[in-house]
Amino acid sequence: MSATSDPLAEKVMALIAAVKRIPREQVSLDKSFEELGMDSLDNMNLLFEVESAFNINIPDEEARAIRTVREVVDGVRKLVEAASGAGAPSQPAAAPE
């Protein structure tokens, strides 16, 4: 799947470009943060932007392990899917008596 056909990946890459203030075309799934010249402050700013944009919470231990654009996209996708499915299976158990 190309990034252009993946709206989530496209949004993450646009956020990375905005945080780093570089052209979007310089950001691809195969780039590492090191290749993009991102430092720890950039990483922290990116996490805040991603959490806000997708309404998710990235655990600190996962955030520390992220080193590439693809890892951000995969992690965000996992958290978004978990959030969208959260609560649905357990709701019938809470029926009033």
PDB file of N, CA and C in Angstrom:
ATOM      1  N   MET A   1       0.853  -1.174   0.000  1.00  0.00           N
ATOM      2  CA  MET A   1       0.000   0.000   0.000  1.00  0.00           C
ATOM      3  C   MET A   1       0.895   1.232   0.000  1.00  0.00           C
ATOM      4  N   SER A   2       0.658   2.130  -0.918  1.00  0.00           N
ATOM      5  CA  SER A   2       1.449   3.355  -0.953  1.00  0.00           C
ATOM      6  C   SER A   2       0.930   4.323   0.096  1.00  0.00           C
ATOM      7  N   ALA A   3       1.798   5.229   0.512  1.00  0.00           N
ATOM      8  CA  ALA A   3       1.411   6.179   1.548  1.00  0.00           C
ATOM      9  C   ALA A   3       0.268   7.071   1.079  1.00  0.00           C
ATOM     10  N   THR A   4       0.240   7.377  -0.200  1.00  0.00           N
ATOM     11  CA  THR A   4      -0.797   8.285  -0.685  1.00  0.00           C
ATOM     12  C   THR A   4      -2.176   7.653  -0.632  1.00  0.00           C
ATOM     13  N   SER A   5      -2.252   6.320  -0.628  1.00  0.00           N
ATOM     14  CA  SER A   5      -3.551   5.665  -0.519  1.00  0.00           C
ATOM     15  C   SER A   5      -3.887   5.330   0.935  1.00  0.00           C
ATOM     16  N   ASP A   6      -3.042   5.759   1.853  1.00  0.00           N
ATOM     17  CA  ASP A   6      -3.234   5.507   3.273  1.00  0.00           C
ATOM     18  C   ASP A   6      -3.363   6.845   3.996  1.00  0.00           C
ATOM     19  N   PRO A   7      -4.604   7.285   4.258  1.00  0.00           N
ATOM     20  CA  PRO A   7      -4.788   8.595   4.880  1.00  0.00           C
ATOM     21  C   PRO A   7      -4.103   8.742   6.245  1.00  0.00           C
ATOM     22  N   LEU A   8      -4.072   7.674   7.039  1.00  0.00           N
ATOM     23  CA  LEU A   8      -3.425   7.748   8.339  1.00  0.00           C
ATOM     24  C   LEU A   8      -1.930   8.001   8.173  1.00  0.00           C
ATOM     25  N   ALA A   9      -1.279   7.241   7.304  1.00  0.00           N
ATOM     26  CA  ALA A   9       0.156   7.423   7.069  1.00  0.00           C
ATOM     27  C   ALA A   9       0.431   8.815   6.515  1.00  0.00           C
ATOM     28  N   GLU A  10      -0.409   9.262   5.617  1.00  0.00           N
ATOM     29  CA  GLU A  10      -0.239  10.586   5.014  1.00  0.00           C
ATOM     30  C   GLU A  10      -0.334  11.677   6.081  1.00  0.00           C
ATOM     31  N   LYS A  11      -1.280  11.539   6.991  1.00  0.00           N
ATOM     32  CA  LYS A  11      -1.456  12.528   8.059  1.00  0.00           C
ATOM     33  C   LYS A  11      -0.248  12.525   8.995  1.00  0.00           C
ATOM     34  N   VAL A  12       0.238  11.337   9.352  1.00  0.00           N
ATOM     35  CA  VAL A  12       1.414  11.243  10.222  1.00  0.00           C
ATOM     36  C   VAL A  12       2.620  11.888   9.545  1.00  0.00           C
ATOM     37  N   MET A  13       2.825  11.599   8.267  1.00  0.00           N
ATOM     38  CA  MET A  13       3.977  12.173   7.562  1.00  0.00           C
ATOM     39  C   MET A  13       3.856  13.690   7.445  1.00  0.00           C
ATOM     40  N   ALA A  14       2.644  14.191   7.261  1.00  0.00           N
ATOM     41  CA  ALA A  14       2.432  15.640   7.213  1.00  0.00           C
ATOM     42  C   ALA A  14       2.741  16.271   8.569  1.00  0.00           C
ATOM     43  N   LEU A  15       2.363  15.597   9.654  1.00  0.00           N
ATOM     44  CA  LEU A  15       2.674  16.097  10.993  1.00  0.00           C
ATOM     45  C   LEU A  15       4.185  16.141  11.229  1.00  0.00           C
ATOM     46  N   ILE A  16       4.882  15.099  10.795  1.00  0.00           N
ATOM     47  CA  ILE A  16       6.341  15.062  10.944  1.00  0.00           C
ATOM     48  C   ILE A  16       6.959  16.223  10.171  1.00  0.00           C
ATOM     49  N   ALA A  17       6.511  16.436   8.954  1.00  0.00           N
ATOM     50  CA  ALA A  17       7.039  17.534   8.135  1.00  0.00           C
ATOM     51  C   ALA A  17       6.775  18.883   8.809  1.00  0.00           C
ATOM     52  N   ALA A  18       5.598  19.048   9.376  1.00  0.00           N
ATOM     53  CA  ALA A  18       5.255  20.306  10.035  1.00  0.00           C
ATOM     54  C   ALA A  18       6.101  20.540  11.283  1.00  0.00           C
ATOM     55  N   VAL A  19       6.279  19.487  12.091  1.00  0.00           N
ATOM     56  CA  VAL A  19       7.079  19.615  13.314  1.00  0.00           C
ATOM     57  C   VAL A  19       8.521  19.952  12.962  1.00  0.00           C
ATOM     58  N   LYS A  20       9.044  19.306  11.938  1.00  0.00           N
ATOM     59  CA  LYS A  20      10.443  19.498  11.549  1.00  0.00           C
ATOM     60  C   LYS A  20      10.623  20.703  10.623  1.00  0.00           C
ATOM     61  N   ARG A  21       9.499  21.243  10.131  1.00  0.00           N
ATOM     62  CA  ARG A  21       9.506  22.374   9.200  1.00  0.00           C
ATOM     63  C   ARG A  21      10.326  22.061   7.946  1.00  0.00           C
ATOM     64  N   ILE A  22       9.987  20.916   7.366  1.00  0.00           N
ATOM     65  CA  ILE A  22      10.613  20.489   6.105  1.00  0.00           C
ATOM     66  C   ILE A  22       9.498  20.187   5.108  1.00  0.00           C
ATOM     67  N   PRO A  23       9.827  20.166   3.813  1.00  0.00           N
ATOM     68  CA  PRO A  23       8.794  19.815   2.825  1.00  0.00           C
ATOM     69  C   PRO A  23       8.279  18.397   3.052  1.00  0.00           C
ATOM     70  N   ARG A  24       6.984  18.211   2.894  1.00  0.00           N
ATOM     71  CA  ARG A  24       6.348  16.904   3.088  1.00  0.00           C
ATOM     72  C   ARG A  24       7.017  15.830   2.230  1.00  0.00           C
ATOM     73  N   GLU A  25       7.481  16.201   1.033  1.00  0.00           N
ATOM     74  CA  GLU A  25       8.094  15.235   0.114  1.00  0.00           C
ATOM     75  C   GLU A  25       9.361  14.595   0.682  1.00  0.00           C
ATOM     76  N   GLN A  26       9.974  15.239   1.678  1.00  0.00           N
ATOM     77  CA  GLN A  26      11.200  14.685   2.272  1.00  0.00           C
ATOM     78  C   GLN A  26      10.897  13.577   3.282  1.00  0.00           C
ATOM     79  N   VAL A  27       9.635  13.436   3.656  1.00  0.00           N
ATOM     80  CA  VAL A  27       9.255  12.440   4.665  1.00  0.00           C
ATOM     81  C   VAL A  27       8.642  11.236   3.966  1.00  0.00           C
ATOM     82  N   SER A  28       9.219  10.058   4.218  1.00  0.00           N
ATOM     83  CA  SER A  28       8.664   8.814   3.678  1.00  0.00           C
ATOM     84  C   SER A  28       8.651   7.767   4.787  1.00  0.00           C
ATOM     85  N   LEU A  29       7.903   6.712   4.560  1.00  0.00           N
ATOM     86  CA  LEU A  29       7.798   5.641   5.561  1.00  0.00           C
ATOM     87  C   LEU A  29       9.145   5.024   5.892  1.00  0.00           C
ATOM     88  N   ASP A  30      10.061   5.037   4.947  1.00  0.00           N
ATOM     89  CA  ASP A  30      11.341   4.361   5.132  1.00  0.00           C
ATOM     90  C   ASP A  30      12.404   5.228   5.805  1.00  0.00           C
ATOM     91  N   LYS A  31      12.064   6.469   6.130  1.00  0.00           N
ATOM     92  CA  LYS A  31      13.035   7.371   6.758  1.00  0.00           C
ATOM     93  C   LYS A  31      13.083   7.150   8.267  1.00  0.00           C
ATOM     94  N   SER A  32      14.294   7.270   8.797  1.00  0.00           N
ATOM     95  CA  SER A  32      14.451   7.235  10.254  1.00  0.00           C
ATOM     96  C   SER A  32      14.425   8.669  10.767  1.00  0.00           C
ATOM     97  N   PHE A  33      14.175   8.825  12.056  1.00  0.00           N
ATOM     98  CA  PHE A  33      14.208  10.155  12.642  1.00  0.00           C
ATOM     99  C   PHE A  33      15.591  10.771  12.479  1.00  0.00           C
ATOM    100  N   GLU A  34      16.616   9.940  12.568  1.00  0.00           N
ATOM    101  CA  GLU A  34      17.984  10.421  12.402  1.00  0.00           C
ATOM    102  C   GLU A  34      18.184  10.999  11.001  1.00  0.00           C
ATOM    103  N   GLU A  35      17.681  10.301   9.982  1.00  0.00           N
ATOM    104  CA  GLU A  35      17.803  10.789   8.602  1.00  0.00           C
ATOM    105  C   GLU A  35      17.071  12.114   8.403  1.00  0.00           C
ATOM    106  N   LEU A  36      15.993  12.318   9.153  1.00  0.00           N
ATOM    107  CA  LEU A  36      15.222  13.548   9.049  1.00  0.00           C
ATOM    108  C   LEU A  36      15.795  14.665   9.923  1.00  0.00           C
ATOM    109  N   GLY A  37      16.838  14.346  10.683  1.00  0.00           N
ATOM    110  CA  GLY A  37      17.477  15.344  11.530  1.00  0.00           C
ATOM    111  C   GLY A  37      16.672  15.694  12.770  1.00  0.00           C
ATOM    112  N   MET A  38      15.839  14.755  13.223  1.00  0.00           N
ATOM    113  CA  MET A  38      14.993  15.016  14.390  1.00  0.00           C
ATOM    114  C   MET A  38      15.782  14.784  15.675  1.00  0.00           C
ATOM    115  N   ASP A  39      15.653  15.735  16.593  1.00  0.00           N
ATOM    116  CA  ASP A  39      16.277  15.583  17.899  1.00  0.00           C
ATOM    117  C   ASP A  39      15.201  15.250  18.938  1.00  0.00           C
ATOM    118  N   SER A  40      15.599  15.163  20.201  1.00  0.00           N
ATOM    119  CA  SER A  40      14.650  14.753  21.233  1.00  0.00           C
ATOM    120  C   SER A  40      13.506  15.753  21.392  1.00  0.00           C
ATOM    121  N   LEU A  41      13.761  17.037  21.195  1.00  0.00           N
ATOM    122  CA  LEU A  41      12.690  18.031  21.280  1.00  0.00           C
ATOM    123  C   LEU A  41      11.704  17.854  20.119  1.00  0.00           C
ATOM    124  N   ASP A  42      12.228  17.602  18.915  1.00  0.00           N
ATOM    125  CA  ASP A  42      11.351  17.314  17.768  1.00  0.00           C
ATOM    126  C   ASP A  42      10.485  16.097  18.057  1.00  0.00           C
ATOM    127  N   ASN A  43      11.102  15.062  18.622  1.00  0.00           N
ATOM    128  CA  ASN A  43      10.363  13.828  18.930  1.00  0.00           C
ATOM    129  C   ASN A  43       9.232  14.106  19.919  1.00  0.00           C
ATOM    130  N   MET A  44       9.526  14.893  20.948  1.00  0.00           N
ATOM    131  CA  MET A  44       8.512  15.201  21.947  1.00  0.00           C
ATOM    132  C   MET A  44       7.378  16.031  21.313  1.00  0.00           C
ATOM    133  N   ASN A  45       7.735  17.020  20.510  1.00  0.00           N
ATOM    134  CA  ASN A  45       6.723  17.828  19.830  1.00  0.00           C
ATOM    135  C   ASN A  45       5.866  16.973  18.903  1.00  0.00           C
ATOM    136  N   LEU A  46       6.501  16.039  18.206  1.00  0.00           N
ATOM    137  CA  LEU A  46       5.765  15.146  17.308  1.00  0.00           C
ATOM    138  C   LEU A  46       4.763  14.297  18.093  1.00  0.00           C
ATOM    139  N   LEU A  47       5.185  13.769  19.227  1.00  0.00           N
ATOM    140  CA  LEU A  47       4.283  12.947  20.033  1.00  0.00           C
ATOM    141  C   LEU A  47       3.057  13.745  20.475  1.00  0.00           C
ATOM    142  N   PHE A  48       3.274  14.976  20.907  1.00  0.00           N
ATOM    143  CA  PHE A  48       2.140  15.819  21.305  1.00  0.00           C
ATOM    144  C   PHE A  48       1.200  16.050  20.126  1.00  0.00           C
ATOM    145  N   GLU A  49       1.766  16.343  18.955  1.00  0.00           N
ATOM    146  CA  GLU A  49       0.959  16.599  17.759  1.00  0.00           C
ATOM    147  C   GLU A  49       0.170  15.357  17.341  1.00  0.00           C
ATOM    148  N   VAL A  50       0.822  14.205  17.357  1.00  0.00           N
ATOM    149  CA  VAL A  50       0.171  12.954  16.960  1.00  0.00           C
ATOM    150  C   VAL A  50      -0.940  12.594  17.947  1.00  0.00           C
ATOM    151  N   GLU A  51      -0.651  12.710  19.239  1.00  0.00           N
ATOM    152  CA  GLU A  51      -1.670  12.399  20.241  1.00  0.00           C
ATOM    153  C   GLU A  51      -2.886  13.307  20.080  1.00  0.00           C
ATOM    154  N   SER A  52      -2.638  14.574  19.827  1.00  0.00           N
ATOM    155  CA  SER A  52      -3.731  15.529  19.657  1.00  0.00           C
ATOM    156  C   SER A  52      -4.510  15.264  18.368  1.00  0.00           C
ATOM    157  N   ALA A  53      -3.800  15.033  17.270  1.00  0.00           N
ATOM    158  CA  ALA A  53      -4.446  14.847  15.967  1.00  0.00           C
ATOM    159  C   ALA A  53      -5.309  13.589  15.913  1.00  0.00           C
ATOM    160  N   PHE A  54      -4.875  12.535  16.600  1.00  0.00           N
ATOM    161  CA  PHE A  54      -5.589  11.261  16.530  1.00  0.00           C
ATOM    162  C   PHE A  54      -6.375  10.945  17.807  1.00  0.00           C
ATOM    163  N   ASN A  55      -6.304  11.839  18.792  1.00  0.00           N
ATOM    164  CA  ASN A  55      -7.004  11.645  20.056  1.00  0.00           C
ATOM    165  C   ASN A  55      -6.628  10.312  20.708  1.00  0.00           C
ATOM    166  N   ILE A  56      -5.317  10.093  20.823  1.00  0.00           N
ATOM    167  CA  ILE A  56      -4.782   8.869  21.419  1.00  0.00           C
ATOM    168  C   ILE A  56      -3.766   9.250  22.488  1.00  0.00           C
ATOM    169  N   ASN A  57      -3.341   8.268  23.266  1.00  0.00           N
ATOM    170  CA  ASN A  57      -2.299   8.458  24.257  1.00  0.00           C
ATOM    171  C   ASN A  57      -1.214   7.424  23.991  1.00  0.00           C
ATOM    172  N   ILE A  58      -0.026   7.890  23.652  1.00  0.00           N
ATOM    173  CA  ILE A  58       1.087   6.988  23.364  1.00  0.00           C
ATOM    174  C   ILE A  58       1.856   6.748  24.660  1.00  0.00           C
ATOM    175  N   PRO A  59       1.910   5.495  25.129  1.00  0.00           N
ATOM    176  CA  PRO A  59       2.647   5.201  26.366  1.00  0.00           C
ATOM    177  C   PRO A  59       4.119   5.584  26.241  1.00  0.00           C
ATOM    178  N   ASP A  60       4.700   6.085  27.336  1.00  0.00           N
ATOM    179  CA  ASP A  60       6.085   6.556  27.325  1.00  0.00           C
ATOM    180  C   ASP A  60       7.064   5.501  26.832  1.00  0.00           C
ATOM    181  N   GLU A  61       6.869   4.238  27.281  1.00  0.00           N
ATOM    182  CA  GLU A  61       7.821   3.194  26.875  1.00  0.00           C
ATOM    183  C   GLU A  61       7.765   2.935  25.374  1.00  0.00           C
ATOM    184  N   GLU A  62       6.585   3.046  24.775  1.00  0.00           N
ATOM    185  CA  GLU A  62       6.471   2.894  23.327  1.00  0.00           C
ATOM    186  C   GLU A  62       7.068   4.099  22.615  1.00  0.00           C
ATOM    187  N   ALA A  63       6.832   5.272  23.145  1.00  0.00           N
ATOM    188  CA  ALA A  63       7.352   6.500  22.526  1.00  0.00           C
ATOM    189  C   ALA A  63       8.874   6.481  22.468  1.00  0.00           C
ATOM    190  N   ARG A  64       9.502   5.997  23.526  1.00  0.00           N
ATOM    191  CA  ARG A  64      10.969   5.954  23.563  1.00  0.00           C
ATOM    192  C   ARG A  64      11.539   4.998  22.525  1.00  0.00           C
ATOM    193  N   ALA A  65      10.787   3.997  22.125  1.00  0.00           N
ATOM    194  CA  ALA A  65      11.279   2.979  21.197  1.00  0.00           C
ATOM    195  C   ALA A  65      11.112   3.381  19.732  1.00  0.00           C
ATOM    196  N   ILE A  66      10.363   4.430  19.455  1.00  0.00           N
ATOM    197  CA  ILE A  66      10.081   4.819  18.075  1.00  0.00           C
ATOM    198  C   ILE A  66      11.297   5.509  17.463  1.00  0.00           C
ATOM    199  N   ARG A  67      11.738   4.975  16.317  1.00  0.00           N
ATOM    200  CA  ARG A  67      12.927   5.514  15.637  1.00  0.00           C
ATOM    201  C   ARG A  67      12.692   5.832  14.163  1.00  0.00           C
ATOM    202  N   THR A  68      11.572   5.377  13.599  1.00  0.00           N
ATOM    203  CA  THR A  68      11.326   5.580  12.173  1.00  0.00           C
ATOM    204  C   THR A  68       9.904   6.081  11.931  1.00  0.00           C
ATOM    205  N   VAL A  69       9.697   6.636  10.756  1.00  0.00           N
ATOM    206  CA  VAL A  69       8.369   7.100  10.359  1.00  0.00           C
ATOM    207  C   VAL A  69       7.397   5.923  10.347  1.00  0.00           C
ATOM    208  N   ARG A  70       7.822   4.785   9.806  1.00  0.00           N
ATOM    209  CA  ARG A  70       6.959   3.603   9.741  1.00  0.00           C
ATOM    210  C   ARG A  70       6.532   3.147  11.143  1.00  0.00           C
ATOM    211  N   GLU A  71       7.431   3.216  12.119  1.00  0.00           N
ATOM    212  CA  GLU A  71       7.088   2.832  13.487  1.00  0.00           C
ATOM    213  C   GLU A  71       6.025   3.762  14.069  1.00  0.00           C
ATOM    214  N   VAL A  72       6.095   5.051  13.738  1.00  0.00           N
ATOM    215  CA  VAL A  72       5.065   5.992  14.200  1.00  0.00           C
ATOM    216  C   VAL A  72       3.723   5.606  13.591  1.00  0.00           C
ATOM    217  N   VAL A  73       3.710   5.400  12.270  1.00  0.00           N
ATOM    218  CA  VAL A  73       2.466   5.054  11.569  1.00  0.00           C
ATOM    219  C   VAL A  73       1.883   3.765  12.125  1.00  0.00           C
ATOM    220  N   ASP A  74       2.710   2.736  12.281  1.00  0.00           N
ATOM    221  CA  ASP A  74       2.218   1.448  12.788  1.00  0.00           C
ATOM    222  C   ASP A  74       1.686   1.583  14.213  1.00  0.00           C
ATOM    223  N   GLY A  75       2.394   2.329  15.051  1.00  0.00           N
ATOM    224  CA  GLY A  75       1.962   2.519  16.427  1.00  0.00           C
ATOM    225  C   GLY A  75       0.661   3.299  16.522  1.00  0.00           C
ATOM    226  N   VAL A  76       0.549   4.357  15.721  1.00  0.00           N
ATOM    227  CA  VAL A  76      -0.683   5.153  15.715  1.00  0.00           C
ATOM    228  C   VAL A  76      -1.841   4.299  15.228  1.00  0.00           C
ATOM    229  N   ARG A  77      -1.623   3.533  14.166  1.00  0.00           N
ATOM    230  CA  ARG A  77      -2.687   2.684  13.631  1.00  0.00           C
ATOM    231  C   ARG A  77      -3.182   1.700  14.696  1.00  0.00           C
ATOM    232  N   LYS A  78      -2.245   1.092  15.419  1.00  0.00           N
ATOM    233  CA  LYS A  78      -2.600   0.134  16.465  1.00  0.00           C
ATOM    234  C   LYS A  78      -3.436   0.815  17.561  1.00  0.00           C
ATOM    235  N   LEU A  79      -3.013   2.003  17.993  1.00  0.00           N
ATOM    236  CA  LEU A  79      -3.727   2.707  19.057  1.00  0.00           C
ATOM    237  C   LEU A  79      -5.090   3.214  18.596  1.00  0.00           C
ATOM    238  N   VAL A  80      -5.177   3.680  17.356  1.00  0.00           N
ATOM    239  CA  VAL A  80      -6.458   4.160  16.822  1.00  0.00           C
ATOM    240  C   VAL A  80      -7.438   2.999  16.696  1.00  0.00           C
ATOM    241  N   GLU A  81      -6.967   1.865  16.186  1.00  0.00           N
ATOM    242  CA  GLU A  81      -7.837   0.697  16.047  1.00  0.00           C
ATOM    243  C   GLU A  81      -8.288   0.190  17.415  1.00  0.00           C
ATOM    244  N   ALA A  82      -7.397   0.200  18.386  1.00  0.00           N
ATOM    245  CA  ALA A  82      -7.759  -0.237  19.735  1.00  0.00           C
ATOM    246  C   ALA A  82      -8.782   0.716  20.344  1.00  0.00           C
ATOM    247  N   ALA A  83      -8.607   2.008  20.114  1.00  0.00           N
ATOM    248  CA  ALA A  83      -9.537   3.001  20.665  1.00  0.00           C
ATOM    249  C   ALA A  83     -10.904   2.904  19.998  1.00  0.00           C
ATOM    250  N   SER A  84     -10.930   2.641  18.704  1.00  0.00           N
ATOM    251  CA  SER A  84     -12.216   2.580  18.003  1.00  0.00           C
ATOM    252  C   SER A  84     -12.978   1.306  18.356  1.00  0.00           C
ATOM    253  N   GLY A  85     -12.270   0.272  18.782  1.00  0.00           N
ATOM    254  CA  GLY A  85     -12.936  -0.970  19.159  1.00  0.00           C
ATOM    255  C   GLY A  85     -13.158  -1.083  20.651  1.00  0.00           C
ATOM    256  N   ALA A  86     -12.613  -0.149  21.407  1.00  0.00           N
ATOM    257  CA  ALA A  86     -12.720  -0.210  22.865  1.00  0.00           C
ATOM    258  C   ALA A  86     -14.162  -0.037  23.316  1.00  0.00           C
ATOM    259  N   GLY A  87     -14.570  -0.885  24.204  1.00  0.00           N
ATOM    260  CA  GLY A  87     -15.897  -0.760  24.795  1.00  0.00           C
ATOM    261  C   GLY A  87     -16.989  -1.490  24.035  1.00  0.00           C
ATOM    262  N   ALA A  88     -16.850  -1.693  22.767  1.00  0.00           N
ATOM    263  CA  ALA A  88     -17.935  -2.301  21.980  1.00  0.00           C
ATOM    264  C   ALA A  88     -18.285  -3.711  22.450  1.00  0.00           C
ATOM    265  N   PRO A  89     -17.311  -4.612  22.611  1.00  0.00           N
ATOM    266  CA  PRO A  89     -17.681  -5.966  23.024  1.00  0.00           C
ATOM    267  C   PRO A  89     -18.193  -6.042  24.458  1.00  0.00           C
ATOM    268  N   SER A  90     -17.762  -5.141  25.331  1.00  0.00           N
ATOM    269  CA  SER A  90     -18.121  -5.274  26.750  1.00  0.00           C
ATOM    270  C   SER A  90     -19.425  -4.558  27.104  1.00  0.00           C
ATOM    271  N   GLN A  91     -19.990  -3.767  26.233  1.00  0.00           N
ATOM    272  CA  GLN A  91     -21.176  -3.012  26.574  1.00  0.00           C
ATOM    273  C   GLN A  91     -22.397  -3.879  26.902  1.00  0.00           C
ATOM    274  N   PRO A  92     -22.671  -4.971  26.186  1.00  0.00           N
ATOM    275  CA  PRO A  92     -23.855  -5.758  26.531  1.00  0.00           C
ATOM    276  C   PRO A  92     -23.839  -6.283  27.961  1.00  0.00           C
ATOM    277  N   ALA A  93     -22.685  -6.499  28.538  1.00  0.00           N
ATOM    278  CA  ALA A  93     -22.593  -7.011  29.893  1.00  0.00           C
ATOM    279  C   ALA A  93     -23.084  -5.994  30.922  1.00  0.00           C
ATOM    280  N   ALA A  94     -23.151  -4.711  30.544  1.00  0.00           N
ATOM    281  CA  ALA A  94     -23.540  -3.663  31.488  1.00  0.00           C
ATOM    282  C   ALA A  94     -25.022  -3.307  31.371  1.00  0.00           C
ATOM    283  N   ALA A  95     -25.836  -4.217  30.843  1.00  0.00           N
ATOM    284  CA  ALA A  95     -27.276  -3.940  30.667  1.00  0.00           C
ATOM    285  C   ALA A  95     -27.948  -3.795  32.033  1.00  0.00           C
ATOM    286  N   PRO A  96     -28.836  -2.803  32.174  1.00  0.00           N
ATOM    287  CA  PRO A  96     -29.527  -2.606  33.464  1.00  0.00           C
ATOM    288  C   PRO A  96     -30.531  -3.726  33.736  1.00  0.00           C
ATOM    289  N   GLU A  97     -30.792  -3.964  35.014  1.00  0.00           N
ATOM    290  CA  GLU A  97     -31.735  -5.024  35.374  1.00  0.00           C
ATOM    291  C   GLU A  97     -33.049  -4.465  35.816  1.00  0.00           C
TER     292      GLU A  97
END
